[in-house]
Amino acid sequence: MFAPEDRVRRSQTVVGEGLRDEYLVLDLGNGRYYGLDGVARFVWDRLDGTTTVEEIASAVVESFEVDLGRAREDVLELLGQLEERGLVETGEAR
């Protein structure tokens, strides 16, 4: 579970490739593919370990014209789902 002040990064066991309207993520640990599009792809692109969850939510507000409370809630929910699948982790970029 993440908090707004956390810095989140992509797991080192994942690789990805951008396609036309989607980003495919491969978890090398279990061989599963995940597709990200829309806001999920936007968030994924910012998971560099240096940007806080709150900063990502603010960027969502600017790009998708939603209020900050909703953006924060949605980003935290998405990050929770990604964490459950082992695709992200807390901490500075390595």
C-alpha atoms as a PDB file:
ATOM      1  CA  MET A   1       0.000   0.000   0.000  1.00  0.00           C
ATOM      2  CA  PHE A   2       1.351   3.382  -0.967  1.00  0.00           C
ATOM      3  CA  ALA A   3       0.992   6.875   0.458  1.00  0.00           C
ATOM      4  CA  PRO A   4       1.001  10.192  -1.444  1.00  0.00           C
ATOM      5  CA  GLU A   5       4.568  10.973  -0.326  1.00  0.00           C
ATOM      6  CA  ASP A   6       5.973   7.619  -1.517  1.00  0.00           C
ATOM      7  CA  ARG A   7       8.244   7.342  -4.499  1.00  0.00           C
ATOM      8  CA  VAL A   8       7.395   4.318  -6.611  1.00  0.00           C
ATOM      9  CA  ARG A   9       9.482   2.576  -9.240  1.00  0.00           C
ATOM     10  CA  ARG A  10       8.949  -0.221 -11.692  1.00  0.00           C
ATOM     11  CA  SER A  11      10.140  -3.594 -10.452  1.00  0.00           C
ATOM     12  CA  GLN A  12      13.484  -4.699 -11.803  1.00  0.00           C
ATOM     13  CA  THR A  13      11.875  -7.961 -12.945  1.00  0.00           C
ATOM     14  CA  VAL A  14       9.722  -6.257 -15.589  1.00  0.00           C
ATOM     15  CA  VAL A  15      10.415  -5.086 -19.102  1.00  0.00           C
ATOM     16  CA  GLY A  16       8.068  -3.315 -21.440  1.00  0.00           C
ATOM     17  CA  GLU A  17       7.404  -2.102 -24.922  1.00  0.00           C
ATOM     18  CA  GLY A  18       5.218   0.711 -26.127  1.00  0.00           C
ATOM     19  CA  LEU A  19       2.813  -0.059 -28.925  1.00  0.00           C
ATOM     20  CA  ARG A  20       0.411   2.236 -30.731  1.00  0.00           C
ATOM     21  CA  ASP A  21      -2.111   2.911 -27.942  1.00  0.00           C
ATOM     22  CA  GLU A  22      -0.870   0.520 -25.301  1.00  0.00           C
ATOM     23  CA  TYR A  23       2.180  -0.389 -23.279  1.00  0.00           C
ATOM     24  CA  LEU A  24       2.911  -4.084 -22.764  1.00  0.00           C
ATOM     25  CA  VAL A  25       4.678  -5.095 -19.576  1.00  0.00           C
ATOM     26  CA  LEU A  26       6.298  -8.516 -19.193  1.00  0.00           C
ATOM     27  CA  ASP A  27       7.022  -9.827 -15.717  1.00  0.00           C
ATOM     28  CA  LEU A  28      10.171 -11.882 -16.228  1.00  0.00           C
ATOM     29  CA  GLY A  29       9.577 -13.635 -12.913  1.00  0.00           C
ATOM     30  CA  ASN A  30       6.328 -15.314 -13.920  1.00  0.00           C
ATOM     31  CA  GLY A  31       6.171 -14.809 -17.692  1.00  0.00           C
ATOM     32  CA  ARG A  32       2.898 -12.876 -17.574  1.00  0.00           C
ATOM     33  CA  TYR A  33       2.084  -9.965 -19.841  1.00  0.00           C
ATOM     34  CA  TYR A  34       0.054  -6.950 -18.750  1.00  0.00           C
ATOM     35  CA  GLY A  35      -1.409  -4.265 -20.991  1.00  0.00           C
ATOM     36  CA  LEU A  36      -1.569  -0.641 -19.892  1.00  0.00           C
ATOM     37  CA  ASP A  37      -3.422   2.087 -21.717  1.00  0.00           C
ATOM     38  CA  GLY A  38      -4.800   5.544 -21.077  1.00  0.00           C
ATOM     39  CA  VAL A  39      -4.164   6.852 -17.584  1.00  0.00           C
ATOM     40  CA  ALA A  40      -2.467   3.599 -16.535  1.00  0.00           C
ATOM     41  CA  ARG A  41       0.173   4.057 -19.219  1.00  0.00           C
ATOM     42  CA  PHE A  42       0.555   7.728 -18.271  1.00  0.00           C
ATOM     43  CA  VAL A  43       1.195   6.724 -14.638  1.00  0.00           C
ATOM     44  CA  TRP A  44       3.542   3.879 -15.627  1.00  0.00           C
ATOM     45  CA  ASP A  45       5.714   6.298 -17.593  1.00  0.00           C
ATOM     46  CA  ARG A  46       6.279   8.285 -14.391  1.00  0.00           C
ATOM     47  CA  LEU A  47       7.255   5.400 -12.103  1.00  0.00           C
ATOM     48  CA  ASP A  48      10.952   6.222 -12.057  1.00  0.00           C
ATOM     49  CA  GLY A  49      11.531   6.122  -8.294  1.00  0.00           C
ATOM     50  CA  THR A  50      12.084   9.878  -8.104  1.00  0.00           C
ATOM     51  CA  THR A  51       8.524  11.148  -8.519  1.00  0.00           C
ATOM     52  CA  THR A  52       6.092  10.991  -5.607  1.00  0.00           C
ATOM     53  CA  VAL A  53       2.610   9.562  -5.881  1.00  0.00           C
ATOM     54  CA  GLU A  54       1.282  13.071  -5.199  1.00  0.00           C
ATOM     55  CA  GLU A  55       3.332  14.504  -8.077  1.00  0.00           C
ATOM     56  CA  ILE A  56       1.986  11.800 -10.379  1.00  0.00           C
ATOM     57  CA  ALA A  57      -1.571  12.576  -9.277  1.00  0.00           C
ATOM     58  CA  SER A  58      -0.965  16.274  -9.991  1.00  0.00           C
ATOM     59  CA  ALA A  59       0.294  15.409 -13.475  1.00  0.00           C
ATOM     60  CA  VAL A  60      -2.870  13.362 -14.045  1.00  0.00           C
ATOM     61  CA  VAL A  61      -4.945  16.410 -13.048  1.00  0.00           C
ATOM     62  CA  GLU A  62      -3.144  18.587 -15.590  1.00  0.00           C
ATOM     63  CA  SER A  63      -3.371  16.062 -18.421  1.00  0.00           C
ATOM     64  CA  PHE A  64      -6.810  14.538 -17.889  1.00  0.00           C
ATOM     65  CA  GLU A  65      -8.780  17.380 -16.284  1.00  0.00           C
ATOM     66  CA  VAL A  66      -9.924  15.580 -13.140  1.00  0.00           C
ATOM     67  CA  ASP A  67      -9.844  16.925  -9.600  1.00  0.00           C
ATOM     68  CA  LEU A  68      -6.860  16.149  -7.402  1.00  0.00           C
ATOM     69  CA  GLY A  69      -8.778  14.044  -4.890  1.00  0.00           C
ATOM     70  CA  ARG A  70     -10.089  11.745  -7.589  1.00  0.00           C
ATOM     71  CA  ALA A  71      -6.711  11.568  -9.334  1.00  0.00           C
ATOM     72  CA  ARG A  72      -4.930  10.701  -6.075  1.00  0.00           C
ATOM     73  CA  GLU A  73      -7.487   7.994  -5.277  1.00  0.00           C
ATOM     74  CA  ASP A  74      -7.255   6.484  -8.763  1.00  0.00           C
ATOM     75  CA  VAL A  75      -3.446   6.565  -8.844  1.00  0.00           C
ATOM     76  CA  LEU A  76      -3.236   4.899  -5.422  1.00  0.00           C
ATOM     77  CA  GLU A  77      -5.711   2.220  -6.525  1.00  0.00           C
ATOM     78  CA  LEU A  78      -3.751   1.525  -9.710  1.00  0.00           C
ATOM     79  CA  LEU A  79      -0.463   1.364  -7.811  1.00  0.00           C
ATOM     80  CA  GLY A  80      -2.023  -1.077  -5.352  1.00  0.00           C
ATOM     81  CA  GLN A  81      -3.050  -3.336  -8.236  1.00  0.00           C
ATOM     82  CA  LEU A  82       0.407  -3.124  -9.789  1.00  0.00           C
ATOM     83  CA  GLU A  83       2.007  -3.867  -6.425  1.00  0.00           C
ATOM     84  CA  GLU A  84      -0.194  -6.951  -5.939  1.00  0.00           C
ATOM     85  CA  ARG A  85       1.168  -8.264  -9.223  1.00  0.00           C
ATOM     86  CA  GLY A  86       4.765  -7.476  -8.240  1.00  0.00           C
ATOM     87  CA  LEU A  87       5.212  -4.886 -10.993  1.00  0.00           C
ATOM     88  CA  VAL A  88       6.156  -1.916  -8.782  1.00  0.00           C
ATOM     89  CA  GLU A  89       7.894  -1.233  -5.490  1.00  0.00           C
ATOM     90  CA  THR A  90       8.585   1.635  -3.151  1.00  0.00           C
ATOM     91  CA  GLY A  91      11.908   3.382  -3.244  1.00  0.00           C
ATOM     92  CA  GLU A  92      14.386   5.474  -5.094  1.00  0.00           C
ATOM     93  CA  ALA A  93      15.476   4.461  -8.570  1.00  0.00           C
ATOM     94  CA  ARG A  94      18.549   2.249  -8.584  1.00  0.00           C
END
